[in-house]
Amino acid sequence: MAKTVNTQEKQKFILWFLRNHRLQSEAVYSIFEYLLTDPERLARVHFVHDTTGLPVGMVVSTICCEGPAFLFRYEGKETIRPGEALAYLQANPATDVFVSLLFHEWESSPEYNKVVLQPVEFSQLPLPVENQGLEAPWLDELILQAQTAHLYYRIDKALDQQDREEFFHLVRLLKEHLPSPNP
């Protein structure tokens, strides 16, 4: 029997992925943020090892891989511009999208293999969002975690570039962004 990956599992995986890996293209973070904020759209996203021959495919690489930073194939077209891909995803929310992530040891990653579909499972339809037990507080927490991970990434980038002004600006944003601890 083919495995089913529900939206919550996909959200948890994306957050794990963003916390543990740096993308080659910073613009791709906006796609992941969009997917995390739209559970119905995320339900139509399927993680695969290879997008070759699939109707709509997206390949995303981290800084430790030599693959393309970003590649999006749709309707016989191909683009390396994340903005164009995001516009397509927003305009076509009912379209299934197959995503392949290239990162260090992706083939042996238990987190990735938990959500990746095998080739025989491509026709597996996801459960409707209303049957997945997704609640608004859970979604709010996922969005907060994704935004926090992106701020940490930008802080690391500012440190790497020795951009003191940007670093302090981002740290201030992070402090404002994080919820204050309850006394």
C-alpha atoms as a PDB file:
ATOM      1  CA  MET A   1       0.000   0.000   0.000  1.00  0.00           C
ATOM      2  CA  ALA A   2       1.313   3.464  -0.909  1.00  0.00           C
ATOM      3  CA  LYS A   3       2.148   5.757   1.964  1.00  0.00           C
ATOM      4  CA  THR A   4       0.226   8.966   2.527  1.00  0.00           C
ATOM      5  CA  VAL A   5       2.068  12.048   3.725  1.00  0.00           C
ATOM      6  CA  ASN A   6      -0.278  14.475   5.417  1.00  0.00           C
ATOM      7  CA  THR A   7       0.113  18.235   5.489  1.00  0.00           C
ATOM      8  CA  GLN A   8       1.349  18.338   9.081  1.00  0.00           C
ATOM      9  CA  GLU A   9       4.170  15.904   8.254  1.00  0.00           C
ATOM     10  CA  LYS A  10       5.127  18.046   5.255  1.00  0.00           C
ATOM     11  CA  GLN A  11       5.101  21.209   7.393  1.00  0.00           C
ATOM     12  CA  LYS A  12       7.272  19.596  10.057  1.00  0.00           C
ATOM     13  CA  PHE A  13       9.693  18.395   7.401  1.00  0.00           C
ATOM     14  CA  ILE A  14       9.962  21.785   5.692  1.00  0.00           C
ATOM     15  CA  LEU A  15      10.670  23.450   9.035  1.00  0.00           C
ATOM     16  CA  TRP A  16      13.313  20.829   9.846  1.00  0.00           C
ATOM     17  CA  PHE A  17      14.827  21.323   6.392  1.00  0.00           C
ATOM     18  CA  LEU A  18      14.942  25.131   6.691  1.00  0.00           C
ATOM     19  CA  ARG A  19      16.425  24.977  10.211  1.00  0.00           C
ATOM     20  CA  ASN A  20      19.170  22.558   9.200  1.00  0.00           C
ATOM     21  CA  HIS A  21      20.111  23.638   5.678  1.00  0.00           C
ATOM     22  CA  ARG A  22      20.988  26.848   3.858  1.00  0.00           C
ATOM     23  CA  LEU A  23      19.580  27.269   0.382  1.00  0.00           C
ATOM     24  CA  GLN A  24      21.729  28.392  -2.539  1.00  0.00           C
ATOM     25  CA  SER A  25      19.041  30.880  -3.536  1.00  0.00           C
ATOM     26  CA  GLU A  26      17.603  33.110  -0.810  1.00  0.00           C
ATOM     27  CA  ALA A  27      14.586  33.901  -3.006  1.00  0.00           C
ATOM     28  CA  VAL A  28      13.389  30.286  -2.652  1.00  0.00           C
ATOM     29  CA  TYR A  29      12.547  30.935   1.017  1.00  0.00           C
ATOM     30  CA  SER A  30       9.484  32.881  -0.161  1.00  0.00           C
ATOM     31  CA  ILE A  31       8.159  29.738  -1.870  1.00  0.00           C
ATOM     32  CA  PHE A  32       8.541  27.688   1.299  1.00  0.00           C
ATOM     33  CA  GLU A  33       6.898  30.450   3.339  1.00  0.00           C
ATOM     34  CA  TYR A  34       3.964  30.452   0.923  1.00  0.00           C
ATOM     35  CA  LEU A  35       3.636  26.670   1.143  1.00  0.00           C
ATOM     36  CA  LEU A  36       3.739  26.767   4.946  1.00  0.00           C
ATOM     37  CA  THR A  37       1.014  29.410   5.097  1.00  0.00           C
ATOM     38  CA  ASP A  38      -1.375  27.672   2.701  1.00  0.00           C
ATOM     39  CA  PRO A  39      -2.261  24.150   3.898  1.00  0.00           C
ATOM     40  CA  GLU A  40      -4.497  23.469   0.902  1.00  0.00           C
ATOM     41  CA  ARG A  41      -1.605  24.292  -1.435  1.00  0.00           C
ATOM     42  CA  LEU A  42       0.832  22.232   0.621  1.00  0.00           C
ATOM     43  CA  ALA A  43      -1.527  19.259   0.355  1.00  0.00           C
ATOM     44  CA  ARG A  44      -0.818  19.307  -3.410  1.00  0.00           C
ATOM     45  CA  VAL A  45       2.978  19.260  -2.886  1.00  0.00           C
ATOM     46  CA  HIS A  46       4.763  15.900  -3.091  1.00  0.00           C
ATOM     47  CA  PHE A  47       8.420  15.295  -2.277  1.00  0.00           C
ATOM     48  CA  VAL A  48      10.230  13.018  -4.722  1.00  0.00           C
ATOM     49  CA  HIS A  49      13.801  11.991  -5.489  1.00  0.00           C
ATOM     50  CA  ASP A  50      13.557  12.915  -9.174  1.00  0.00           C
ATOM     51  CA  THR A  51      11.205  15.330 -10.941  1.00  0.00           C
ATOM     52  CA  THR A  52      12.121  14.195 -14.456  1.00  0.00           C
ATOM     53  CA  GLY A  53       9.048  13.569 -16.566  1.00  0.00           C
ATOM     54  CA  LEU A  54       6.598  14.949 -14.026  1.00  0.00           C
ATOM     55  CA  PRO A  55       4.095  17.619 -15.095  1.00  0.00           C
ATOM     56  CA  VAL A  56       5.188  20.273 -12.551  1.00  0.00           C
ATOM     57  CA  GLY A  57       8.524  19.873 -10.800  1.00  0.00           C
ATOM     58  CA  MET A  58      10.753  21.964  -8.580  1.00  0.00           C
ATOM     59  CA  VAL A  59      14.394  21.243  -7.676  1.00  0.00           C
ATOM     60  CA  VAL A  60      15.972  23.124  -4.756  1.00  0.00           C
ATOM     61  CA  SER A  61      19.630  22.818  -3.715  1.00  0.00           C
ATOM     62  CA  THR A  62      21.423  23.744  -0.524  1.00  0.00           C
ATOM     63  CA  ILE A  63      24.840  25.401  -0.402  1.00  0.00           C
ATOM     64  CA  CYS A  64      26.598  22.056   0.071  1.00  0.00           C
ATOM     65  CA  CYS A  65      25.383  20.643  -3.272  1.00  0.00           C
ATOM     66  CA  GLU A  66      26.504  21.273  -6.814  1.00  0.00           C
ATOM     67  CA  GLY A  67      23.039  20.938  -8.312  1.00  0.00           C
ATOM     68  CA  PRO A  68      21.086  23.864  -9.711  1.00  0.00           C
ATOM     69  CA  ALA A  69      20.247  26.418  -7.012  1.00  0.00           C
ATOM     70  CA  PHE A  70      16.643  26.348  -8.224  1.00  0.00           C
ATOM     71  CA  LEU A  71      14.829  24.856 -11.180  1.00  0.00           C
ATOM     72  CA  PHE A  72      11.096  24.902 -11.865  1.00  0.00           C
ATOM     73  CA  ARG A  73       9.444  23.010 -14.736  1.00  0.00           C
ATOM     74  CA  TYR A  74       5.820  23.572 -15.732  1.00  0.00           C
ATOM     75  CA  GLU A  75       3.698  23.354 -18.885  1.00  0.00           C
ATOM     76  CA  GLY A  76       6.743  22.464 -20.993  1.00  0.00           C
ATOM     77  CA  LYS A  77       8.659  25.502 -19.716  1.00  0.00           C
ATOM     78  CA  GLU A  78      11.642  25.761 -17.394  1.00  0.00           C
ATOM     79  CA  THR A  79      12.785  28.647 -15.192  1.00  0.00           C
ATOM     80  CA  ILE A  80      15.479  29.333 -12.626  1.00  0.00           C
ATOM     81  CA  ARG A  81      13.570  32.332 -11.224  1.00  0.00           C
ATOM     82  CA  PRO A  82      11.810  31.592  -7.913  1.00  0.00           C
ATOM     83  CA  GLY A  83       9.511  34.607  -8.369  1.00  0.00           C
ATOM     84  CA  GLU A  84       8.126  33.154 -11.582  1.00  0.00           C
ATOM     85  CA  ALA A  85       7.599  29.788  -9.874  1.00  0.00           C
ATOM     86  CA  LEU A  86       5.837  31.418  -6.918  1.00  0.00           C
ATOM     87  CA  ALA A  87       3.507  33.292  -9.278  1.00  0.00           C
ATOM     88  CA  TYR A  88       2.656  30.017 -11.043  1.00  0.00           C
ATOM     89  CA  LEU A  89       2.012  28.221  -7.735  1.00  0.00           C
ATOM     90  CA  GLN A  90      -0.282  31.011  -6.535  1.00  0.00           C
ATOM     91  CA  ALA A  91      -2.172  31.158  -9.834  1.00  0.00           C
ATOM     92  CA  ASN A  92      -2.601  27.358 -10.001  1.00  0.00           C
ATOM     93  CA  PRO A  93      -3.404  26.173  -6.452  1.00  0.00           C
ATOM     94  CA  ALA A  94      -5.091  22.946  -7.604  1.00  0.00           C
ATOM     95  CA  THR A  95      -2.012  21.713  -9.510  1.00  0.00           C
ATOM     96  CA  ASP A  96       0.116  18.954  -8.000  1.00  0.00           C
ATOM     97  CA  VAL A  97       3.760  19.973  -7.610  1.00  0.00           C
ATOM     98  CA  PHE A  98       6.617  17.506  -7.211  1.00  0.00           C
ATOM     99  CA  VAL A  99       9.619  18.783  -5.235  1.00  0.00           C
ATOM    100  CA  SER A 100      13.118  17.332  -5.143  1.00  0.00           C
ATOM    101  CA  LEU A 101      15.546  18.658  -2.532  1.00  0.00           C
ATOM    102  CA  LEU A 102      19.289  18.306  -2.964  1.00  0.00           C
ATOM    103  CA  PHE A 103      21.203  18.494   0.306  1.00  0.00           C
ATOM    104  CA  HIS A 104      24.066  16.708   2.039  1.00  0.00           C
ATOM    105  CA  GLU A 105      23.229  13.017   2.463  1.00  0.00           C
ATOM    106  CA  TRP A 106      19.657  13.503   1.215  1.00  0.00           C
ATOM    107  CA  GLU A 107      19.502   9.896   0.067  1.00  0.00           C
ATOM    108  CA  SER A 108      20.049   8.590   3.597  1.00  0.00           C
ATOM    109  CA  SER A 109      18.148  11.296   5.499  1.00  0.00           C
ATOM    110  CA  PRO A 110      15.421   9.673   7.625  1.00  0.00           C
ATOM    111  CA  GLU A 111      13.545  12.996   7.757  1.00  0.00           C
ATOM    112  CA  TYR A 112      13.469  13.288   3.953  1.00  0.00           C
ATOM    113  CA  ASN A 113      12.707   9.622   3.355  1.00  0.00           C
ATOM    114  CA  LYS A 114       9.742   9.915   5.716  1.00  0.00           C
ATOM    115  CA  VAL A 115       8.026  12.390   3.356  1.00  0.00           C
ATOM    116  CA  VAL A 116       9.410  11.417  -0.052  1.00  0.00           C
ATOM    117  CA  LEU A 117       7.135   9.394  -2.318  1.00  0.00           C
ATOM    118  CA  GLN A 118       8.383   6.428  -4.251  1.00  0.00           C
ATOM    119  CA  PRO A 119       7.746   6.430  -8.033  1.00  0.00           C
ATOM    120  CA  VAL A 120       4.780   4.053  -7.745  1.00  0.00           C
ATOM    121  CA  GLU A 121       3.103   6.508  -5.372  1.00  0.00           C
ATOM    122  CA  PHE A 122       2.936   9.556  -7.660  1.00  0.00           C
ATOM    123  CA  SER A 123      -0.747   9.038  -8.371  1.00  0.00           C
ATOM    124  CA  GLN A 124      -1.547   8.888  -4.654  1.00  0.00           C
ATOM    125  CA  LEU A 125      -3.914  11.741  -3.874  1.00  0.00           C
ATOM    126  CA  PRO A 126      -3.509  13.522  -0.535  1.00  0.00           C
ATOM    127  CA  LEU A 127      -6.227  13.566   2.083  1.00  0.00           C
ATOM    128  CA  PRO A 128      -8.452  16.646   1.995  1.00  0.00           C
ATOM    129  CA  VAL A 129      -7.121  19.299   4.362  1.00  0.00           C
ATOM    130  CA  GLU A 130     -10.204  19.154   6.563  1.00  0.00           C
ATOM    131  CA  ASN A 131      -9.455  15.481   7.330  1.00  0.00           C
ATOM    132  CA  GLN A 132      -5.899  16.131   8.493  1.00  0.00           C
ATOM    133  CA  GLY A 133      -6.672  17.701  11.857  1.00  0.00           C
ATOM    134  CA  LEU A 134      -4.893  20.951  10.977  1.00  0.00           C
ATOM    135  CA  GLU A 135      -5.656  23.662  13.500  1.00  0.00           C
ATOM    136  CA  ALA A 136      -4.962  27.385  13.252  1.00  0.00           C
ATOM    137  CA  PRO A 137      -2.652  27.581  16.323  1.00  0.00           C
ATOM    138  CA  TRP A 138      -0.491  24.842  14.811  1.00  0.00           C
ATOM    139  CA  LEU A 139      -0.287  26.750  11.536  1.00  0.00           C
ATOM    140  CA  ASP A 140       0.594  29.997  13.325  1.00  0.00           C
ATOM    141  CA  GLU A 141       3.439  28.209  15.129  1.00  0.00           C
ATOM    142  CA  LEU A 142       4.730  26.760  11.844  1.00  0.00           C
ATOM    143  CA  ILE A 143       4.729  30.175  10.218  1.00  0.00           C
ATOM    144  CA  LEU A 144       6.580  31.670  13.198  1.00  0.00           C
ATOM    145  CA  GLN A 145       9.192  28.902  13.047  1.00  0.00           C
ATOM    146  CA  ALA A 146       9.709  29.348   9.299  1.00  0.00           C
ATOM    147  CA  GLN A 147      10.106  33.112   9.643  1.00  0.00           C
ATOM    148  CA  THR A 148      12.512  32.635  12.563  1.00  0.00           C
ATOM    149  CA  ALA A 149      14.600  30.137  10.566  1.00  0.00           C
ATOM    150  CA  HIS A 150      14.793  32.619   7.701  1.00  0.00           C
ATOM    151  CA  LEU A 151      15.924  35.415  10.045  1.00  0.00           C
ATOM    152  CA  TYR A 152      18.660  33.154  11.435  1.00  0.00           C
ATOM    153  CA  TYR A 153      19.750  32.405   7.870  1.00  0.00           C
ATOM    154  CA  ARG A 154      19.952  36.123   7.043  1.00  0.00           C
ATOM    155  CA  ILE A 155      21.882  36.782  10.286  1.00  0.00           C
ATOM    156  CA  ASP A 156      24.379  34.061   9.342  1.00  0.00           C
ATOM    157  CA  LYS A 157      24.716  35.581   5.885  1.00  0.00           C
ATOM    158  CA  ALA A 158      25.350  39.051   7.363  1.00  0.00           C
ATOM    159  CA  LEU A 159      28.038  37.558   9.618  1.00  0.00           C
ATOM    160  CA  ASP A 160      29.644  35.760   6.678  1.00  0.00           C
ATOM    161  CA  GLN A 161      29.729  39.054   4.752  1.00  0.00           C
ATOM    162  CA  GLN A 162      30.892  40.948   7.855  1.00  0.00           C
ATOM    163  CA  ASP A 163      28.009  43.385   7.416  1.00  0.00           C
ATOM    164  CA  ARG A 164      27.786  44.774  10.944  1.00  0.00           C
ATOM    165  CA  GLU A 165      24.896  47.152  10.240  1.00  0.00           C
ATOM    166  CA  GLU A 166      22.745  44.435   8.644  1.00  0.00           C
ATOM    167  CA  PHE A 167      23.624  42.005  11.445  1.00  0.00           C
ATOM    168  CA  PHE A 168      22.418  44.377  14.184  1.00  0.00           C
ATOM    169  CA  HIS A 169      19.317  45.275  12.189  1.00  0.00           C
ATOM    170  CA  LEU A 170      18.417  41.582  11.790  1.00  0.00           C
ATOM    171  CA  VAL A 171      19.083  40.820  15.452  1.00  0.00           C
ATOM    172  CA  ARG A 172      16.665  43.611  16.399  1.00  0.00           C
ATOM    173  CA  LEU A 173      14.089  42.125  14.028  1.00  0.00           C
ATOM    174  CA  LEU A 174      14.624  38.692  15.539  1.00  0.00           C
ATOM    175  CA  LYS A 175      14.128  40.019  19.071  1.00  0.00           C
ATOM    176  CA  GLU A 176      10.878  41.703  17.992  1.00  0.00           C
ATOM    177  CA  HIS A 177       9.783  38.574  16.130  1.00  0.00           C
ATOM    178  CA  LEU A 178      10.314  36.062  18.933  1.00  0.00           C
ATOM    179  CA  PRO A 179       7.537  35.747  21.489  1.00  0.00           C
ATOM    180  CA  SER A 180       8.519  37.038  24.903  1.00  0.00           C
ATOM    181  CA  PRO A 181       8.768  34.350  27.607  1.00  0.00           C
ATOM    182  CA  ASN A 182       5.943  34.242  30.113  1.00  0.00           C
ATOM    183  CA  PRO A 183       7.039  35.307  33.628  1.00  0.00           C
END
